[in-house]
């Protein structure tokens, strides 16, 4: 099994997904563990000297003026985790929670949060032994970090709450015991360091970008199959044409489309009759997602390698307070992801409409007996309903106002909410693309002569999940199965 070594500064999107989704093992670098010990010694020295440090021996938020005596510091940290674990709703996906655990671990390994080495090693143990905290999706404001979901994550570390053990929900105490792990007894600042960061917003950003990349590849493949089914014009993808517009996303998509169409004899050179924009302008529209993905990935990778705690300890022992826990940059990119991903659904639905409108009267909607049979008519309805849901989900969460904790926390990013929406849009788009692929597969039928090698291979894959129509049948599960493969990046 592959091993991902984390050190606080070199985590990439691909490595994070290898752990979160691929099950790769995790190891903290020896140098980062030594750094943790050095910073922890600095903090304990300050406390021994009688220093009062926010969040270490004081209350939190608007209760920061309450000093807590040394004999209650462990109780303070445990109370913090328990009180902040107030989330509700459906559990976040295991992939997202594993990504958040890895990202929080990576941040802690920078040392500035001053947790003990054992806390980091426990997170490593949870990841490597398939123990994943059960984390409800609602509760985070993404302002003082993702407090609520992170507190649910921390509950499992202290042996409370619920967790998945190899995919089965159980009590955290049982999951830890079955995995040979012991719960942590949190010391000064460790509860705060576990919950006060952007791990969950960033994890959602990581997964959203990863899924967006898979959807862009699938959308380009679906477009090519539809274009060949319709005998569309190849000029809109010509390097000489797209090259005179200085948009990197557009040029990248057009280059991929030319590669996918290599060997096709179905495409025509003549621009008249004109093709619909959903084909002719695909490099521009799909390219806008490519540009957005590049922007979002840069922000997410920077965030996952950052220290997003507060307060933080410096090498010289000074303690600084600020707002590194605020998730606005990632939340903004997640709102952009929802919008940019939705474009793929809009374009795909337009191509579905055009495909079905071109069916001959004797095979209307690709039915063998139109009237007696409805053929693929209702697949367009399904795709339209999914696009309508996406239209609701593209409202920017990160613009919503917030004023909590007695007015001290008067702005929030709502990053987790933005991320949940982005993943829903991604799921909807995968289903819409599945509908397009089923429609184009049936439009081409058995007449595969002259198709590109890419389309021939893709049709074989699509038909293994959704055979050619030979009479009306329920196709909902076929759409779901194909959508799952799309979202998992199985289409190229």
Protein backbone atom coordinates (compact mmCIF):
# COMPACT_ATOMS: atom_id res chain seq x y z
CA UNK A 1 0.00 0.00 0.00
CA UNK A 2 1.22 3.49 -0.86
CA UNK A 3 2.34 5.68 2.03
CA UNK A 4 1.76 9.44 2.13
CA UNK A 5 4.29 11.26 4.32
CA UNK A 6 2.95 14.50 5.79
CA UNK A 7 5.17 17.25 7.13
CA UNK A 8 2.95 20.34 7.33
CA UNK A 9 3.94 21.95 4.05
CA UNK A 10 3.99 19.54 1.09
CA UNK A 11 0.49 18.05 0.89
CA UNK A 12 -1.02 18.06 -2.60
CA UNK A 13 -4.56 17.55 -3.82
CA UNK A 14 -3.64 14.18 -5.34
CA UNK A 15 -1.97 12.95 -2.13
CA UNK A 16 -4.90 14.11 -0.02
CA UNK A 17 -7.34 12.19 -2.23
CA UNK A 18 -5.09 9.13 -2.17
CA UNK A 19 -5.63 9.05 1.59
CA UNK A 20 -9.24 10.27 1.73
CA UNK A 21 -10.62 8.13 -1.06
CA UNK A 22 -7.91 5.68 -2.03
CA UNK A 23 -7.05 4.39 1.43
CA UNK A 24 -3.33 5.19 1.25
CA UNK A 25 -1.47 4.87 4.54
CA UNK A 26 -0.23 7.98 6.36
CA UNK A 27 3.02 8.70 8.17
CA UNK A 28 4.10 11.89 9.91
CA UNK A 29 7.65 12.88 9.02
CA UNK A 30 10.17 12.45 11.87
CA UNK A 31 11.23 16.10 11.56
CA UNK A 32 7.64 17.33 12.00
CA UNK A 33 7.16 15.20 15.13
CA UNK A 34 10.32 16.68 16.63
CA UNK A 35 9.00 20.14 15.78
CA UNK A 36 5.83 19.34 17.72
CA UNK A 37 7.86 18.43 20.80
CA UNK A 38 9.84 21.67 20.58
CA UNK A 39 6.75 23.88 20.33
CA UNK A 40 4.97 21.96 23.07
CA UNK A 41 7.88 22.55 25.42
CA UNK A 42 7.69 26.28 24.67
CA UNK A 43 3.99 26.41 25.59
CA UNK A 44 4.40 24.42 28.78
CA UNK A 45 7.26 26.72 29.79
CA UNK A 46 5.02 29.76 29.37
CA UNK A 47 2.27 28.18 31.46
CA UNK A 48 4.74 27.22 34.17
CA UNK A 49 5.79 30.87 34.26
CA UNK A 50 2.22 31.99 34.97
CA UNK A 51 1.34 33.40 31.54
CA UNK A 52 -2.33 33.89 30.66
CA UNK A 53 -2.97 32.81 27.06
CA UNK A 54 -6.31 32.99 25.31
CA UNK A 55 -7.82 29.57 24.69
CA UNK A 56 -5.17 27.90 26.81
CA UNK A 57 -6.17 29.05 30.27
CA UNK A 58 -9.10 31.35 29.48
CA UNK A 59 -12.66 30.98 28.20
CA UNK A 60 -13.45 31.17 24.49
CA UNK A 61 -15.02 33.77 22.22
CA UNK A 62 -16.90 36.38 24.22
CA UNK A 63 -15.89 34.46 27.39
CA UNK A 64 -12.21 35.22 26.81
CA UNK A 65 -12.05 37.44 29.92
CA UNK A 66 -12.61 34.42 32.18
CA UNK A 67 -9.29 33.02 33.45
CA UNK A 68 -9.23 29.27 34.20
CA UNK A 69 -7.00 27.90 36.96
CA UNK A 70 -4.29 25.37 36.11
CA UNK A 71 -6.05 22.45 37.82
CA UNK A 72 -9.01 22.82 35.42
CA UNK A 73 -7.11 23.10 32.10
CA UNK A 74 -7.80 19.52 30.98
CA UNK A 75 -11.47 19.88 31.91
CA UNK A 76 -11.56 23.13 29.94
CA UNK A 77 -10.36 21.43 26.76
CA UNK A 78 -12.73 18.48 27.10
CA UNK A 79 -15.66 20.83 27.81
CA UNK A 80 -14.75 22.79 24.69
CA UNK A 81 -14.92 19.70 22.51
CA UNK A 82 -18.17 18.47 24.06
CA UNK A 83 -19.97 21.81 23.94
CA UNK A 84 -18.96 22.57 20.37
CA UNK A 85 -20.05 19.15 19.04
CA UNK A 86 -23.53 20.49 18.35
CA UNK A 87 -23.96 19.50 14.71
CA UNK A 88 -27.15 18.16 13.15
CA UNK A 89 -28.22 16.62 9.87
CA UNK A 90 -26.96 13.80 7.72
CA UNK A 91 -23.37 12.61 8.19
CA UNK A 92 -20.74 14.14 5.94
CA UNK A 93 -19.25 11.61 3.49
CA UNK A 94 -16.44 9.48 4.90
CA UNK A 95 -14.16 10.75 2.13
CA UNK A 96 -14.66 14.35 3.30
CA UNK A 97 -14.05 13.50 6.96
CA UNK A 98 -10.88 11.54 6.16
CA UNK A 99 -9.64 14.47 4.09
CA UNK A 100 -10.37 16.83 7.00
CA UNK A 101 -8.49 14.58 9.44
CA UNK A 102 -5.47 14.54 7.15
CA UNK A 103 -5.59 18.31 6.61
CA UNK A 104 -5.87 18.99 10.35
CA UNK A 105 -2.96 16.63 11.01
CA UNK A 106 -0.89 18.40 8.37
CA UNK A 107 -1.62 21.80 9.90
CA UNK A 108 -0.76 20.61 13.42
CA UNK A 109 2.58 19.24 12.21
CA UNK A 110 3.77 22.80 11.59
CA UNK A 111 4.07 23.03 15.39
CA UNK A 112 2.47 26.43 15.89
CA UNK A 113 -0.63 24.89 17.49
CA UNK A 114 1.59 23.33 20.21
CA UNK A 115 -0.16 19.98 20.53
CA UNK A 116 1.73 16.95 21.84
CA UNK A 117 3.21 14.40 19.46
CA UNK A 118 0.77 11.77 20.74
CA UNK A 119 -2.25 13.71 19.45
CA UNK A 120 -0.83 13.76 15.93
CA UNK A 121 0.06 10.08 16.14
CA UNK A 122 -3.49 9.24 17.20
CA UNK A 123 -4.90 10.94 14.09
CA UNK A 124 -2.42 8.93 12.01
CA UNK A 125 -3.65 5.78 13.75
CA UNK A 126 -7.30 6.58 13.03
CA UNK A 127 -6.59 7.14 9.35
CA UNK A 128 -4.51 4.00 8.96
CA UNK A 129 -6.97 1.76 10.81
CA UNK A 130 -10.12 2.99 9.08
CA UNK A 131 -11.69 4.73 12.07
CA UNK A 132 -13.60 7.76 10.82
CA UNK A 133 -15.60 10.06 13.12
CA UNK A 134 -19.29 10.47 12.29
CA UNK A 135 -19.66 14.20 11.59
CA UNK A 136 -23.07 15.88 10.95
CA UNK A 137 -23.12 18.27 8.00
CA UNK A 138 -24.70 21.35 9.63
CA UNK A 139 -23.24 23.55 12.35
CA UNK A 140 -20.09 25.17 11.00
CA UNK A 141 -19.89 28.87 10.17
CA UNK A 142 -16.36 28.64 8.79
CA UNK A 143 -15.36 31.73 10.76
CA UNK A 144 -13.57 30.72 13.98
CA UNK A 145 -12.67 27.67 11.99
CA UNK A 146 -15.01 24.77 11.37
CA UNK A 147 -15.70 24.49 15.07
CA UNK A 148 -18.70 22.16 15.13
CA UNK A 149 -17.63 19.47 12.64
CA UNK A 150 -14.08 19.57 14.00
CA UNK A 151 -15.45 19.07 17.52
CA UNK A 152 -17.30 15.96 16.36
CA UNK A 153 -14.02 14.75 14.89
CA UNK A 154 -12.26 15.48 18.19
CA UNK A 155 -14.95 13.57 20.12
CA UNK A 156 -13.75 10.35 18.56
CA UNK A 157 -10.17 11.14 19.59
CA UNK A 158 -11.27 11.36 23.24
CA UNK A 159 -13.42 8.23 22.98
CA UNK A 160 -16.83 9.86 22.76
CA UNK A 161 -19.47 10.21 20.06
CA UNK A 162 -19.88 7.92 17.07
CA UNK A 163 -17.45 6.69 14.43
CA UNK A 164 -17.27 4.45 11.40
CA UNK A 165 -15.05 1.41 11.84
CA UNK A 166 -14.37 -0.09 8.40
CA UNK A 167 -17.60 1.60 7.25
CA UNK A 168 -19.87 0.47 10.11
CA UNK A 169 -21.17 3.02 12.63
CA UNK A 170 -20.40 2.27 16.27
CA UNK A 171 -19.46 4.05 19.50
CA UNK A 172 -16.07 5.73 19.26
CA UNK A 173 -14.87 3.83 22.33
CA UNK A 174 -15.60 0.52 20.60
CA UNK A 175 -14.00 1.65 17.33
CA UNK A 176 -10.83 2.71 19.13
CA UNK A 177 -10.64 -0.48 21.19
CA UNK A 178 -11.21 -2.69 18.14
CA UNK A 179 -8.37 -0.87 16.38
CA UNK A 180 -5.95 -1.12 19.27
CA UNK A 181 -5.99 2.65 19.87
CA UNK A 182 -6.34 4.50 23.16
CA UNK A 183 -8.34 7.74 23.48
CA UNK A 184 -6.47 10.96 24.05
CA UNK A 185 -6.54 12.86 27.35
CA UNK A 186 -6.39 16.42 26.10
CA UNK A 187 -3.92 18.79 27.73
CA UNK A 188 -3.79 22.59 27.66
CA UNK A 189 -4.77 24.09 24.27
CA UNK A 190 -5.17 20.74 22.51
CA UNK A 191 -8.97 20.84 22.32
CA UNK A 192 -8.82 24.30 20.80
CA UNK A 193 -6.07 23.27 18.38
CA UNK A 194 -8.16 20.36 17.16
CA UNK A 195 -11.31 22.37 16.43
CA UNK A 196 -10.06 25.86 15.57
CA UNK A 197 -9.15 25.58 11.90
CA UNK A 198 -10.46 25.31 8.36
CA UNK A 199 -10.02 21.56 7.93
CA UNK A 200 -13.58 20.73 6.90
CA UNK A 201 -14.08 23.63 4.50
CA UNK A 202 -10.71 22.78 2.96
CA UNK A 203 -11.56 19.07 2.78
CA UNK A 204 -14.76 19.89 0.94
CA UNK A 205 -12.75 22.12 -1.39
CA UNK A 206 -10.32 19.29 -2.01
CA UNK A 207 -13.07 16.79 -2.85
CA UNK A 208 -15.02 19.33 -4.93
CA UNK A 209 -11.99 20.16 -7.08
CA UNK A 210 -11.13 16.49 -7.49
CA UNK A 211 -14.68 15.68 -8.58
CA UNK A 212 -14.77 18.74 -10.79
CA UNK A 213 -11.70 17.49 -12.64
CA UNK A 214 -13.39 14.13 -13.21
CA UNK A 215 -16.60 15.81 -14.40
CA UNK A 216 -14.72 18.03 -16.84
CA UNK A 217 -13.08 14.99 -18.43
CA UNK A 218 -16.43 13.20 -18.57
CA UNK A 219 -18.20 16.24 -20.04
CA UNK A 220 -15.58 16.49 -22.79
CA UNK A 221 -16.07 12.79 -23.53
CA UNK A 222 -19.86 13.16 -23.57
CA UNK A 223 -19.58 16.15 -25.89
CA UNK A 224 -17.40 14.22 -28.35
CA UNK A 225 -19.82 11.30 -28.41
CA UNK A 226 -22.78 13.61 -29.05
CA UNK A 227 -20.85 15.55 -31.70
CA UNK A 228 -20.04 12.32 -33.55
CA UNK A 229 -23.62 11.11 -33.23
CA UNK A 230 -24.82 14.33 -34.87
CA UNK A 231 -21.99 14.72 -37.41
CA UNK A 232 -21.05 18.13 -36.02
CA UNK A 233 -18.48 20.53 -37.44
CA UNK A 234 -14.90 20.22 -36.14
CA UNK A 235 -13.89 23.83 -36.88
CA UNK A 236 -14.83 25.20 -33.41
CA UNK A 237 -12.08 23.02 -31.91
CA UNK A 238 -9.40 24.04 -34.45
CA UNK A 239 -6.16 25.12 -32.81
CA UNK A 240 -5.83 28.08 -35.18
CA UNK A 241 -9.25 29.38 -34.13
CA UNK A 242 -9.14 28.91 -30.37
CA UNK A 243 -5.49 29.97 -30.23
CA UNK A 244 -6.28 33.57 -31.10
CA UNK A 245 -8.35 33.92 -27.94
CA UNK A 246 -6.08 34.09 -24.93
CA UNK A 247 -7.97 31.85 -22.52
CA UNK A 248 -6.00 28.92 -21.10
CA UNK A 249 -9.08 26.91 -20.17
CA UNK A 250 -10.59 27.22 -23.62
CA UNK A 251 -7.35 26.15 -25.28
CA UNK A 252 -6.91 23.23 -22.90
CA UNK A 253 -10.41 21.90 -23.56
CA UNK A 254 -10.13 22.32 -27.33
CA UNK A 255 -6.81 20.46 -27.28
CA UNK A 256 -8.42 17.57 -25.37
CA UNK A 257 -11.39 17.49 -27.75
CA UNK A 258 -9.06 17.24 -30.75
CA UNK A 259 -7.28 14.33 -29.08
CA UNK A 260 -10.53 12.54 -28.28
CA UNK A 261 -11.79 13.01 -31.86
CA UNK A 262 -8.62 11.67 -33.46
CA UNK A 263 -9.48 9.21 -36.22
CA UNK A 264 -13.13 10.23 -36.46
CA UNK A 265 -14.71 10.27 -39.89
CA UNK A 266 -18.08 11.38 -38.52
CA UNK A 267 -17.19 15.05 -38.05
CA UNK A 268 -17.61 17.47 -40.97
CA UNK A 269 -15.54 20.49 -41.98
CA UNK A 270 -18.37 22.65 -43.34
CA UNK A 271 -19.72 25.19 -40.80
CA UNK A 272 -23.21 25.26 -42.34
CA UNK A 273 -25.68 24.22 -41.08
CA UNK A 274 -24.47 25.72 -37.81
CA UNK A 275 -24.25 23.54 -34.74
CA UNK A 276 -25.91 24.63 -31.48
CA UNK A 277 -23.82 26.54 -28.96
CA UNK A 278 -23.79 23.52 -26.63
CA UNK A 279 -21.39 21.95 -29.17
CA UNK A 280 -19.87 24.93 -30.97
CA UNK A 281 -19.08 26.88 -27.78
CA UNK A 282 -18.03 23.92 -25.64
CA UNK A 283 -14.35 24.99 -25.51
CA UNK A 284 -15.40 28.36 -24.10
CA UNK A 285 -17.95 27.06 -21.56
CA UNK A 286 -16.17 23.88 -20.49
CA UNK A 287 -13.00 25.94 -20.47
CA UNK A 288 -14.45 28.30 -17.90
CA UNK A 289 -14.66 25.34 -15.50
CA UNK A 290 -11.07 24.45 -16.31
CA UNK A 291 -10.01 27.97 -15.33
CA UNK A 292 -12.11 27.85 -12.14
CA UNK A 293 -10.62 24.49 -11.17
CA UNK A 294 -7.09 25.88 -11.48
CA UNK A 295 -8.01 28.87 -9.31
CA UNK A 296 -9.74 26.73 -6.68
CA UNK A 297 -6.99 24.10 -6.52
CA UNK A 298 -4.36 26.75 -5.81
CA UNK A 299 -6.40 28.16 -2.92
CA UNK A 300 -7.20 24.72 -1.49
CA UNK A 301 -3.61 23.47 -1.63
CA UNK A 302 -2.35 26.66 0.02
CA UNK A 303 -4.94 26.27 2.77
CA UNK A 304 -4.23 22.61 3.46
CA UNK A 305 -0.56 23.47 4.01
CA UNK A 306 -1.30 26.45 6.26
CA UNK A 307 -1.66 27.01 9.99
CA UNK A 308 -5.29 28.01 10.55
CA UNK A 309 -5.33 27.94 14.35
CA UNK A 310 -5.68 30.82 16.82
CA UNK A 311 -3.73 31.74 18.84
CA UNK A 312 -0.44 30.46 17.43
CA UNK A 313 2.95 30.05 19.02
CA UNK A 314 6.09 31.27 17.26
CA UNK A 315 9.61 29.83 17.39
CA UNK A 316 10.70 32.52 19.84
CA UNK A 317 7.86 31.71 22.21
CA UNK A 318 5.71 34.73 21.34
CA UNK A 319 1.96 34.10 21.09
CA UNK A 320 0.05 35.88 18.32
CA UNK A 321 -3.71 36.26 17.91
CA UNK A 322 -5.58 36.89 14.68
CA UNK A 323 -7.95 35.44 12.11
CA UNK A 324 -6.12 32.64 10.31
CA UNK A 325 -9.06 30.41 11.16
CA UNK A 326 -11.33 32.26 8.73
CA UNK A 327 -12.17 30.13 5.68
CA UNK A 328 -13.29 32.90 3.29
CA UNK A 329 -10.85 32.17 0.42
CA UNK A 330 -11.83 28.49 0.28
CA UNK A 331 -15.53 29.24 0.78
CA UNK A 332 -15.45 31.71 -2.10
CA UNK A 333 -13.78 29.13 -4.34
CA UNK A 334 -16.43 26.56 -3.36
CA UNK A 335 -19.20 28.94 -4.37
CA UNK A 336 -17.37 29.40 -7.67
CA UNK A 337 -17.17 25.62 -8.01
CA UNK A 338 -20.95 25.28 -7.68
CA UNK A 339 -21.49 27.87 -10.41
CA UNK A 340 -18.80 26.59 -12.78
CA UNK A 341 -19.83 22.95 -12.39
CA UNK A 342 -23.45 23.82 -13.09
CA UNK A 343 -22.43 25.08 -16.56
CA UNK A 344 -21.59 21.48 -17.54
CA UNK A 345 -25.13 20.44 -16.63
CA UNK A 346 -26.70 23.29 -18.60
CA UNK A 347 -24.61 22.46 -21.69
CA UNK A 348 -25.25 18.72 -21.40
CA UNK A 349 -29.02 19.20 -21.09
CA UNK A 350 -28.99 21.40 -24.20
CA UNK A 351 -27.22 18.64 -26.12
CA UNK A 352 -29.74 16.06 -24.84
CA UNK A 353 -32.57 18.26 -26.11
CA UNK A 354 -30.90 18.62 -29.51
CA UNK A 355 -30.22 14.88 -29.77
CA UNK A 356 -33.82 13.96 -28.99
CA UNK A 357 -35.22 16.67 -31.27
CA UNK A 358 -33.29 15.16 -34.18
CA UNK A 359 -34.86 11.72 -33.86
CA UNK A 360 -37.03 10.75 -36.83
CA UNK A 361 -40.83 10.47 -36.42
CA UNK A 362 -40.71 6.69 -36.80
CA UNK A 363 -38.12 6.50 -33.98
CA UNK A 364 -39.22 9.51 -31.91
CA UNK A 365 -37.22 9.70 -28.67
CA UNK A 366 -35.51 6.53 -29.96
CA UNK A 367 -38.57 4.45 -29.20
CA UNK A 368 -39.09 1.38 -31.39
CA UNK A 369 -42.85 2.00 -31.40
CA UNK A 370 -43.47 5.72 -30.70
CA UNK A 371 -46.74 6.29 -28.89
CA UNK A 372 -46.92 2.76 -27.61
CA UNK A 373 -43.47 3.38 -26.16
CA UNK A 374 -41.94 6.60 -24.77
CA UNK A 375 -38.32 5.69 -25.42
CA UNK A 376 -35.87 8.14 -23.85
CA UNK A 377 -38.40 10.99 -23.51
CA UNK A 378 -38.37 11.03 -19.73
CA UNK A 379 -34.59 11.10 -19.42
CA UNK A 380 -34.75 14.70 -20.58
CA UNK A 381 -37.24 15.42 -17.79
CA UNK A 382 -34.86 13.96 -15.22
CA UNK A 383 -31.94 16.03 -16.50
CA UNK A 384 -34.11 19.16 -16.46
CA UNK A 385 -35.14 18.53 -12.84
CA UNK A 386 -31.47 18.11 -11.87
CA UNK A 387 -30.56 21.38 -13.58
CA UNK A 388 -33.38 23.13 -11.72
CA UNK A 389 -31.93 21.86 -8.42
CA UNK A 390 -28.51 23.16 -9.44
CA UNK A 391 -30.00 26.58 -10.15
CA UNK A 392 -31.04 26.71 -6.49
CA UNK A 393 -27.62 25.59 -5.29
CA UNK A 394 -25.51 28.19 -7.07
CA UNK A 395 -26.51 31.00 -4.71
CA UNK A 396 -23.26 32.04 -2.95
CA UNK A 397 -23.28 30.82 0.67
CA UNK A 398 -20.13 32.80 1.44
CA UNK A 399 -22.03 36.07 1.01
CA UNK A 400 -24.50 35.30 3.80
CA UNK A 401 -24.18 37.56 6.90
CA UNK A 402 -23.48 36.25 10.39
CA UNK A 403 -23.23 37.75 13.87
CA UNK A 404 -22.64 35.35 16.78
CA UNK A 405 -20.78 35.10 20.09
CA UNK A 406 -22.05 38.38 21.45
CA UNK A 407 -21.07 40.30 18.32
CA UNK A 408 -17.39 39.35 18.46
CA UNK A 409 -17.76 36.97 15.52
CA UNK A 410 -19.62 39.25 13.13
CA UNK A 411 -18.64 37.70 9.80
CA UNK A 412 -18.58 34.09 8.62
CA UNK A 413 -17.54 32.28 5.44
CA UNK A 414 -20.14 29.49 5.66
CA UNK A 415 -17.52 27.35 3.95
CA UNK A 416 -18.92 23.96 4.94
CA UNK A 417 -22.38 24.88 3.65
CA UNK A 418 -20.78 26.11 0.42
CA UNK A 419 -18.88 22.84 0.14
CA UNK A 420 -21.92 20.65 0.74
CA UNK A 421 -23.71 22.55 -2.05
CA UNK A 422 -20.76 22.13 -4.42
CA UNK A 423 -20.76 18.37 -3.91
CA UNK A 424 -24.52 18.23 -4.53
CA UNK A 425 -24.09 20.16 -7.77
CA UNK A 426 -21.31 17.76 -8.76
CA UNK A 427 -23.56 14.76 -8.10
CA UNK A 428 -26.38 16.32 -10.12
CA UNK A 429 -24.04 17.04 -13.03
CA UNK A 430 -22.78 13.45 -13.03
CA UNK A 431 -26.38 12.28 -13.48
CA UNK A 432 -27.06 14.77 -16.28
CA UNK A 433 -23.92 13.63 -18.11
CA UNK A 434 -25.06 10.02 -17.64
CA UNK A 435 -28.34 10.93 -19.36
CA UNK A 436 -26.45 12.50 -22.27
CA UNK A 437 -24.22 9.45 -22.64
CA UNK A 438 -27.23 7.10 -22.69
CA UNK A 439 -28.96 9.29 -25.30
CA UNK A 440 -25.90 9.55 -27.55
CA UNK A 441 -25.25 5.81 -27.21
CA UNK A 442 -28.77 5.08 -28.46
CA UNK A 443 -28.54 7.74 -31.18
CA UNK A 444 -25.44 6.05 -32.59
CA UNK A 445 -26.86 2.57 -32.14
CA UNK A 446 -25.01 -0.27 -33.82
CA UNK A 447 -23.67 1.89 -36.68
CA UNK A 448 -20.23 2.55 -35.18
CA UNK A 449 -18.31 2.83 -38.43
CA UNK A 450 -16.21 5.98 -38.68
CA UNK A 451 -16.26 6.75 -34.97
CA UNK A 452 -13.11 7.77 -33.14
CA UNK A 453 -11.44 5.04 -31.13
CA UNK A 454 -12.25 7.02 -27.99
CA UNK A 455 -15.98 7.03 -28.70
CA UNK A 456 -15.99 3.32 -29.58
CA UNK A 457 -14.39 2.51 -26.22
CA UNK A 458 -16.70 4.86 -24.35
CA UNK A 459 -19.80 3.36 -25.94
CA UNK A 460 -18.70 -0.11 -24.87
CA UNK A 461 -18.36 1.15 -21.29
CA UNK A 462 -21.71 2.98 -21.32
CA UNK A 463 -23.54 -0.01 -22.76
CA UNK A 464 -22.13 -2.32 -20.08
CA UNK A 465 -24.25 -0.29 -17.63
CA UNK A 466 -27.08 0.85 -19.91
CA UNK A 467 -27.66 -1.45 -22.91
CA UNK A 468 -29.22 -0.10 -26.09
CA UNK A 469 -32.96 0.39 -25.78
CA UNK A 470 -35.02 -2.56 -27.04
CA UNK A 471 -38.36 -1.44 -25.63
CA UNK A 472 -39.36 0.70 -22.65
CA UNK A 473 -37.77 -0.08 -19.30
CA UNK A 474 -37.02 1.73 -16.04
CA UNK A 475 -33.63 3.44 -16.43
CA UNK A 476 -33.25 5.28 -13.13
CA UNK A 477 -30.77 2.79 -11.72
CA UNK A 478 -28.82 2.78 -14.98
CA UNK A 479 -28.46 6.54 -14.74
CA UNK A 480 -27.30 6.27 -11.12
CA UNK A 481 -24.78 3.53 -11.89
CA UNK A 482 -23.29 5.43 -14.81
CA UNK A 483 -23.28 8.68 -12.82
CA UNK A 484 -21.31 6.96 -10.06
CA UNK A 485 -18.65 5.92 -12.58
CA UNK A 486 -18.58 9.47 -13.98
CA UNK A 487 -18.10 10.98 -10.53
CA UNK A 488 -15.39 8.45 -9.67
CA UNK A 489 -13.38 9.53 -12.71
CA UNK A 490 -13.81 6.28 -14.64
CA UNK A 491 -14.58 8.06 -17.93
CA UNK A 492 -11.67 9.36 -19.99
